[in-house]
Amino acid sequence: MAFSERLDRPATGGKPGIVGVGTAVPPTSYSQREVLDFFRVEDPRVRSVFLNSAIERRFLHLPPQLPDGTRRSETQGELLGKHRANGIDMGARALQECLKRAGADLDDVRYLACVTSTGFLTPGFSALLIKELGLRTDTSRLDVVGMGCNAGLNGLNAVAGWSAAHPGELAVMVCVEACSAAYVFDGTMRTSVVNSLFGDGAAAVALMTGERTGAAGPDGHRPRSGPELLKFSSHIIPEAVGAMRYDWDDDQGKFSFFLDRDVPYVVGANAETVLRRLLDGTGLHAADIEHWVVHSGGKKVIDSVMVNLGLTRHDVRHTTDVLRDYGNLSSGSFLFSYERLVESGVVRRGDYGVFMTMGPGSTIETALVRY
């Protein structure tokens, strides 16, 4: 039986499905102008980058304030400490919110994948969150580290595979990104572009294949049905391998992220290729996709994807709204957009959707879902 024929059938529970999503951010947010003022940035070029980013506010853990009102430069060790402490806090809150929405509790989690690119820890967030939240000690786990903004879908692909092999059991992915733990403040345009774009946040998503085993959740309900994950497709652009990278800065004594200014055009030019590959054999076309959940990579990235795929502003409204309110949240951005889509109440049973993320490699990751 062809895949396209299977798509025409009602959901049978044979595919992994999303049963809950949750997000968390730091307690404080700042406007772009406030950040510029805090760091006393006067360079008109840098100010223009911040103020023309289509970002209004971001949730951040800013460096400590000195007596003269300036912000202290943090060492790499302090940045790693920030990554660990704030990552555990945000990740735990996102995971708990996700389970609440799934009608599940901590003991139901049988597989935990944690995704991050804003620091390196051993043991990773999976072990740290198991300890922090008291998850079962036989929980299977995976840490995906350093893959960048596309990594949420790389991780989701792995979690979906585990879920399909363990029907009735709950698998969770948590994307933990303390992006302010990867900032360098040296006044250059290279670092200013990064500093104007990224925000801190965590997002969790729960998957299950088939009917849930064991007892119902704490509220007496079993997980609500969500979209099935039908297919994943990847596309790497080897000639752009250096366009997005995390380098060691000898002058600053810390890691520094780099974004090539041509990234939006490289991503946009390849978006149609990966979408065509994703839909190949399904009988679907781009016009059949009702819901688009695209990574909030930046204004130019979103515009380039939109133009190359023939999407409308309405199609990417959740993506642009997340960029406006949070900035680029790296691997978890698409789940913030998915959460807004769910909360909008416009999804109908049988609708098709596409998740799309992009990041270092350069890479575009996609998933086809059916609600």
Protein backbone atom coordinates (compact mmCIF):
# COMPACT_ATOMS: atom_id res chain seq x y z
CA MET A 1 0.00 0.00 0.00
CA ALA A 2 1.41 3.39 -0.99
CA PHE A 3 2.14 6.00 1.65
CA SER A 4 -0.23 8.41 -0.09
CA GLU A 5 -3.06 5.89 0.31
CA ARG A 6 -2.36 5.59 4.03
CA LEU A 7 -2.56 9.36 4.40
CA ASP A 8 -6.17 9.33 3.27
CA ARG A 9 -7.21 7.11 6.16
CA PRO A 10 -8.30 8.35 9.57
CA ALA A 11 -5.71 8.34 12.37
CA THR A 12 -5.38 4.86 13.83
CA GLY A 13 -2.88 5.55 16.59
CA GLY A 14 -0.12 3.65 14.76
CA LYS A 15 2.11 6.73 14.47
CA PRO A 16 3.73 8.65 17.34
CA GLY A 17 1.54 11.56 18.35
CA ILE A 18 2.06 14.76 20.31
CA VAL A 19 0.06 14.66 23.54
CA GLY A 20 1.34 17.76 25.31
CA VAL A 21 3.57 20.81 25.06
CA GLY A 22 4.92 23.22 27.66
CA THR A 23 7.24 26.22 27.71
CA ALA A 24 9.14 28.26 30.28
CA VAL A 25 11.20 31.47 30.27
CA PRO A 26 13.19 33.50 32.82
CA PRO A 27 11.26 35.82 35.14
CA THR A 28 12.52 39.02 33.50
CA SER A 29 12.21 40.34 29.97
CA TYR A 30 13.74 43.39 28.33
CA SER A 31 12.97 45.52 25.32
CA GLN A 32 15.66 45.88 22.70
CA ARG A 33 16.13 49.52 23.70
CA GLU A 34 16.55 48.56 27.35
CA VAL A 35 19.33 46.12 26.47
CA LEU A 36 21.12 48.80 24.46
CA ASP A 37 20.83 51.23 27.35
CA PHE A 38 22.01 48.68 29.93
CA PHE A 39 25.19 48.12 27.94
CA ARG A 40 25.49 51.81 27.00
CA VAL A 41 25.69 51.05 23.30
CA GLU A 42 26.01 54.23 21.26
CA ASP A 43 27.25 52.89 17.92
CA PRO A 44 24.42 53.75 15.46
CA ARG A 45 25.09 50.63 13.39
CA VAL A 46 24.66 48.34 16.40
CA ARG A 47 21.59 50.22 17.59
CA SER A 48 20.06 49.84 14.15
CA VAL A 49 20.61 46.05 14.22
CA PHE A 50 18.77 45.81 17.55
CA LEU A 51 15.93 48.20 16.76
CA ASN A 52 15.16 46.82 13.28
CA SER A 53 15.12 43.15 14.26
CA ALA A 54 11.29 42.70 14.42
CA ILE A 55 11.89 41.78 18.07
CA GLU A 56 10.17 43.79 20.79
CA ARG A 57 11.19 41.90 23.93
CA ARG A 58 13.36 38.98 25.02
CA PHE A 59 13.61 37.02 28.25
CA LEU A 60 17.26 37.09 29.38
CA HIS A 61 19.60 36.40 32.28
CA LEU A 62 21.76 39.52 32.02
CA PRO A 63 25.23 39.79 33.62
CA PRO A 64 25.50 41.26 37.14
CA GLN A 65 25.38 45.05 37.43
CA LEU A 66 28.44 46.93 38.70
CA PRO A 67 28.27 49.95 41.08
CA ASP A 68 28.64 52.35 38.15
CA GLY A 69 25.61 50.82 36.43
CA THR A 70 27.52 48.91 33.74
CA ARG A 71 27.30 45.15 33.31
CA ARG A 72 30.21 42.95 34.31
CA SER A 73 31.86 40.73 31.71
CA GLU A 74 31.31 37.09 32.68
CA THR A 75 34.01 34.44 32.38
CA GLN A 76 33.40 31.26 30.40
CA GLY A 77 33.11 29.39 33.68
CA GLU A 78 30.42 31.79 34.90
CA LEU A 79 28.57 31.46 31.61
CA LEU A 80 28.58 27.67 31.96
CA GLY A 81 27.25 28.07 35.49
CA LYS A 82 24.46 30.26 34.12
CA HIS A 83 23.72 27.68 31.44
CA ARG A 84 23.45 24.91 34.02
CA ALA A 85 21.45 26.69 36.73
CA ASN A 86 18.99 28.48 34.47
CA GLY A 87 18.73 25.51 32.12
CA ILE A 88 17.68 23.20 34.94
CA ASP A 89 15.15 25.75 36.21
CA MET A 90 13.57 26.45 32.81
CA GLY A 91 13.74 22.84 31.68
CA ALA A 92 12.05 21.56 34.84
CA ARG A 93 9.23 24.09 34.56
CA ALA A 94 8.67 23.39 30.86
CA LEU A 95 8.60 19.63 31.48
CA GLN A 96 6.12 19.94 34.34
CA GLU A 97 3.83 22.16 32.26
CA CYS A 98 4.01 19.72 29.37
CA LEU A 99 3.05 16.77 31.59
CA LYS A 100 0.19 18.75 33.11
CA ARG A 101 -1.24 19.40 29.65
CA ALA A 102 -0.73 15.76 28.72
CA GLY A 103 -2.64 14.60 31.80
CA ALA A 104 0.47 12.71 32.92
CA ASP A 105 2.78 12.79 35.92
CA LEU A 106 6.53 12.45 36.45
CA ASP A 107 6.41 8.67 36.94
CA ASP A 108 4.88 8.25 33.48
CA VAL A 109 8.03 9.51 31.70
CA ARG A 110 9.89 6.53 30.26
CA TYR A 111 12.20 8.32 27.81
CA LEU A 112 13.77 11.76 28.14
CA ALA A 113 15.73 13.54 25.41
CA CYS A 114 17.32 16.91 26.17
CA VAL A 115 18.50 19.29 23.46
CA THR A 116 20.79 22.28 23.96
CA SER A 117 23.43 24.32 22.14
CA THR A 118 24.22 27.09 24.63
CA GLY A 119 26.73 25.22 26.79
CA PHE A 120 28.40 21.87 27.38
CA LEU A 121 27.73 19.81 30.49
CA THR A 122 28.70 16.32 31.59
CA PRO A 123 26.45 14.84 32.84
CA GLY A 124 23.93 16.54 30.58
CA PHE A 125 20.50 17.99 31.20
CA SER A 126 18.80 14.60 30.94
CA ALA A 127 20.58 13.30 34.06
CA LEU A 128 20.31 16.67 35.83
CA LEU A 129 16.54 16.89 35.24
CA ILE A 130 15.99 13.30 36.33
CA LYS A 131 17.71 14.17 39.62
CA GLU A 132 16.01 17.57 39.97
CA LEU A 133 12.48 16.28 39.39
CA GLY A 134 12.81 12.79 40.83
CA LEU A 135 12.03 10.97 37.60
CA ARG A 136 12.30 7.20 37.59
CA THR A 137 15.89 6.00 37.66
CA ASP A 138 15.19 3.54 34.83
CA THR A 139 14.19 6.35 32.47
CA SER A 140 15.94 5.96 29.12
CA ARG A 141 17.63 9.17 28.04
CA LEU A 142 19.46 11.03 25.30
CA ASP A 143 21.36 14.34 25.18
CA VAL A 144 21.63 16.20 21.87
CA VAL A 145 24.32 18.87 22.28
CA GLY A 146 25.66 21.48 19.88
CA MET A 147 23.50 20.91 16.81
CA GLY A 148 22.02 24.41 16.96
CA CYS A 149 18.63 25.86 16.13
CA ASN A 150 17.59 22.94 13.91
CA ALA A 151 18.19 20.41 16.71
CA GLY A 152 14.66 20.40 18.08
CA LEU A 153 13.49 18.40 15.07
CA ASN A 154 16.59 16.19 15.12
CA GLY A 155 15.73 15.33 18.71
CA LEU A 156 12.04 14.91 17.95
CA ASN A 157 12.91 12.42 15.22
CA ALA A 158 14.84 10.31 17.74
CA VAL A 159 12.06 10.54 20.33
CA ALA A 160 9.46 9.55 17.72
CA GLY A 161 11.53 6.49 16.87
CA TRP A 162 11.67 5.42 20.52
CA SER A 163 7.95 6.09 20.90
CA ALA A 164 7.07 3.95 17.88
CA ALA A 165 9.09 1.08 19.36
CA HIS A 166 7.43 1.45 22.80
CA PRO A 167 3.68 1.94 22.21
CA GLY A 168 1.67 3.12 25.19
CA GLU A 169 4.68 4.66 26.96
CA LEU A 170 5.42 8.36 27.36
CA ALA A 171 8.47 9.93 25.74
CA VAL A 172 9.45 13.56 26.32
CA MET A 173 11.86 15.96 24.63
CA VAL A 174 13.03 19.11 26.42
CA CYS A 175 14.84 21.88 24.53
CA VAL A 176 16.85 23.99 27.00
CA GLU A 177 18.49 27.14 25.69
CA ALA A 178 20.03 29.77 27.98
CA CYS A 179 21.25 31.82 25.02
CA SER A 180 22.49 34.64 27.25
CA ALA A 181 25.10 32.13 28.47
CA ALA A 182 26.63 32.26 24.98
CA TYR A 183 26.98 36.03 24.60
CA VAL A 184 30.19 37.98 24.03
CA PHE A 185 30.03 41.76 24.47
CA ASP A 186 32.96 43.18 22.52
CA GLY A 187 31.24 45.89 20.47
CA THR A 188 31.83 44.21 17.10
CA MET A 189 29.11 43.76 14.50
CA ARG A 190 29.71 39.99 14.58
CA THR A 191 28.70 39.65 18.22
CA SER A 192 26.12 42.44 18.06
CA VAL A 193 24.03 40.54 15.50
CA VAL A 194 23.95 37.50 17.81
CA ASN A 195 23.32 39.62 20.91
CA SER A 196 20.37 41.33 19.23
CA LEU A 197 18.65 38.10 18.23
CA PHE A 198 18.67 35.29 20.80
CA GLY A 199 16.60 34.90 23.97
CA ASP A 200 16.40 32.40 26.82
CA GLY A 201 13.72 29.73 27.05
CA ALA A 202 12.87 26.06 27.31
CA ALA A 203 10.18 23.96 25.64
CA ALA A 204 9.02 20.40 26.23
CA VAL A 205 6.89 18.10 24.09
CA ALA A 206 5.43 14.69 25.02
CA LEU A 207 4.87 11.88 22.53
CA MET A 208 2.98 8.62 22.66
CA THR A 209 2.15 5.89 20.18
CA GLY A 210 -1.21 4.16 20.56
CA GLU A 211 -3.15 4.01 23.83
CA ARG A 212 -1.49 4.85 27.09
CA THR A 213 -0.55 2.01 29.43
CA GLY A 214 -0.84 2.24 33.19
CA ALA A 215 -2.93 4.57 35.31
CA ALA A 216 -4.48 7.84 34.19
CA GLY A 217 -2.86 11.16 35.04
CA PRO A 218 -3.29 13.09 38.30
CA ASP A 219 -6.48 14.73 37.05
CA GLY A 220 -8.03 11.36 36.12
CA HIS A 221 -7.66 11.93 32.39
CA ARG A 222 -5.53 10.22 29.81
CA PRO A 223 -3.44 12.30 27.40
CA ARG A 224 -5.39 14.26 24.80
CA SER A 225 -4.88 13.26 21.20
CA GLY A 226 -2.56 15.52 19.20
CA PRO A 227 -1.04 15.50 15.73
CA GLU A 228 0.57 12.34 14.42
CA LEU A 229 4.18 12.59 13.26
CA LEU A 230 4.00 11.08 9.79
CA LYS A 231 7.41 11.73 8.28
CA PHE A 232 10.72 13.57 8.75
CA SER A 233 13.05 14.93 6.09
CA SER A 234 16.48 16.61 6.33
CA HIS A 235 18.62 18.66 3.99
CA ILE A 236 22.21 19.65 4.70
CA ILE A 237 24.05 22.30 2.65
CA PRO A 238 27.73 21.31 2.91
CA GLU A 239 29.02 24.36 1.03
CA ALA A 240 27.57 26.52 3.84
CA VAL A 241 29.11 24.49 6.67
CA GLY A 242 30.74 27.59 8.17
CA ALA A 243 27.78 29.95 7.87
CA MET A 244 26.60 29.28 11.43
CA ARG A 245 29.21 28.19 13.95
CA TYR A 246 30.36 28.31 17.56
CA ASP A 247 34.05 29.29 17.78
CA TRP A 248 36.52 29.85 20.60
CA ASP A 249 37.45 33.55 20.85
CA ASP A 250 41.06 33.77 22.12
CA ASP A 251 40.80 37.50 22.78
CA GLN A 252 37.69 37.13 24.96
CA GLY A 253 38.56 33.73 26.47
CA LYS A 254 35.13 32.28 25.73
CA PHE A 255 33.03 30.75 22.99
CA SER A 256 31.40 33.07 20.47
CA PHE A 257 28.63 32.35 17.98
CA PHE A 258 28.91 33.49 14.37
CA LEU A 259 26.14 34.07 11.83
CA ASP A 260 27.00 34.77 8.21
CA ARG A 261 24.91 37.56 6.73
CA ASP A 262 23.98 35.33 3.78
CA VAL A 263 22.33 32.70 6.02
CA PRO A 264 18.75 33.84 5.26
CA TYR A 265 19.27 33.52 1.52
CA VAL A 266 21.04 30.15 1.75
CA VAL A 267 18.22 28.75 3.90
CA GLY A 268 15.49 30.21 1.72
CA ALA A 269 17.05 28.94 -1.50
CA ASN A 270 17.05 25.37 -0.13
CA ALA A 271 13.68 25.37 1.63
CA GLU A 272 11.74 24.18 -1.42
CA THR A 273 14.13 21.24 -1.91
CA VAL A 274 13.57 19.80 1.56
CA LEU A 275 9.82 20.46 1.44
CA ARG A 276 9.54 18.63 -1.87
CA ARG A 277 11.47 15.70 -0.36
CA LEU A 278 9.20 15.70 2.70
CA LEU A 279 6.02 15.57 0.63
CA ASP A 280 7.35 13.15 -1.98
CA GLY A 281 5.20 10.03 -2.13
CA THR A 282 2.47 11.43 0.11
CA GLY A 283 0.17 12.78 -2.59
CA LEU A 284 0.34 16.17 -0.86
CA HIS A 285 1.43 19.56 -2.17
CA ALA A 286 2.38 22.74 -0.35
CA ALA A 287 -1.13 24.06 -0.94
CA ASP A 288 -2.52 21.12 1.10
CA ILE A 289 -0.64 22.21 4.24
CA GLU A 290 -2.95 24.08 6.57
CA HIS A 291 -0.51 24.89 9.38
CA TRP A 292 3.11 25.99 9.19
CA VAL A 293 5.30 25.93 12.30
CA VAL A 294 8.62 27.48 11.32
CA HIS A 295 11.65 28.26 13.47
CA SER A 296 11.82 31.93 14.51
CA GLY A 297 15.31 32.31 13.13
CA GLY A 298 15.12 36.03 12.47
CA LYS A 299 13.18 38.47 10.31
CA LYS A 300 15.23 37.89 7.15
CA VAL A 301 15.21 34.11 7.59
CA ILE A 302 11.43 34.03 7.99
CA ASP A 303 10.92 36.35 5.00
CA SER A 304 13.23 34.25 2.82
CA VAL A 305 11.47 30.98 3.68
CA MET A 306 8.08 32.61 3.16
CA VAL A 307 9.00 33.95 -0.29
CA ASN A 308 10.64 30.74 -1.49
CA LEU A 309 7.74 28.53 -0.36
CA GLY A 310 4.99 30.92 -1.45
CA LEU A 311 3.65 31.34 2.10
CA THR A 312 1.60 34.24 3.37
CA ARG A 313 2.07 36.39 6.47
CA HIS A 314 -0.88 34.55 7.93
CA ASP A 315 0.85 31.20 7.39
CA VAL A 316 3.83 32.26 9.52
CA ARG A 317 1.96 34.40 12.04
CA HIS A 318 2.86 32.24 15.02
CA THR A 319 6.52 32.25 14.00
CA THR A 320 6.67 36.04 13.68
CA ASP A 321 4.75 36.49 16.93
CA VAL A 322 7.24 34.31 18.82
CA LEU A 323 10.15 36.25 17.29
CA ARG A 324 8.51 39.52 18.38
CA ASP A 325 7.85 38.41 21.96
CA TYR A 326 10.86 36.16 22.68
CA GLY A 327 13.49 36.53 19.96
CA ASN A 328 15.21 33.44 18.57
CA LEU A 329 14.99 30.68 21.20
CA SER A 330 17.25 28.32 19.25
CA SER A 331 16.16 24.65 19.30
CA GLY A 332 12.90 25.23 21.18
CA SER A 333 11.55 28.08 19.05
CA PHE A 334 9.30 25.92 16.89
CA LEU A 335 7.60 24.46 19.98
CA PHE A 336 6.75 27.97 21.20
CA SER A 337 5.10 28.52 17.80
CA TYR A 338 3.36 25.14 17.97
CA GLU A 339 2.02 26.02 21.42
CA ARG A 340 0.50 29.21 20.00
CA LEU A 341 -1.07 27.26 17.16
CA VAL A 342 -2.67 24.84 19.62
CA GLU A 343 -3.95 27.70 21.78
CA SER A 344 -5.48 29.46 18.76
CA GLY A 345 -8.13 26.73 18.48
CA VAL A 346 -8.19 26.77 14.67
CA VAL A 347 -6.85 23.26 14.06
CA ARG A 348 -9.34 20.74 12.69
CA ARG A 349 -9.06 16.98 12.70
CA GLY A 350 -7.45 15.81 9.47
CA ASP A 351 -5.48 19.03 8.85
CA TYR A 352 -1.89 18.61 7.70
CA GLY A 353 0.98 20.66 9.07
CA VAL A 354 4.69 21.13 8.53
CA PHE A 355 7.33 21.80 11.17
CA MET A 356 10.53 23.41 9.84
CA THR A 357 13.75 24.32 11.63
CA MET A 358 17.11 25.48 10.34
CA GLY A 359 20.58 25.85 11.78
CA PRO A 360 24.30 24.99 11.58
CA GLY A 361 25.42 22.55 8.93
CA SER A 362 23.85 24.46 7.29
CA THR A 363 20.78 22.30 7.81
CA ILE A 364 17.03 22.42 7.30
CA GLU A 365 14.92 19.88 9.18
CA THR A 366 11.23 19.20 8.53
CA ALA A 367 8.38 17.05 9.82
CA LEU A 368 4.97 16.32 8.31
CA VAL A 369 2.15 16.04 10.83
CA ARG A 370 -1.58 15.24 10.68
CA TYR A 371 -3.92 16.65 13.30
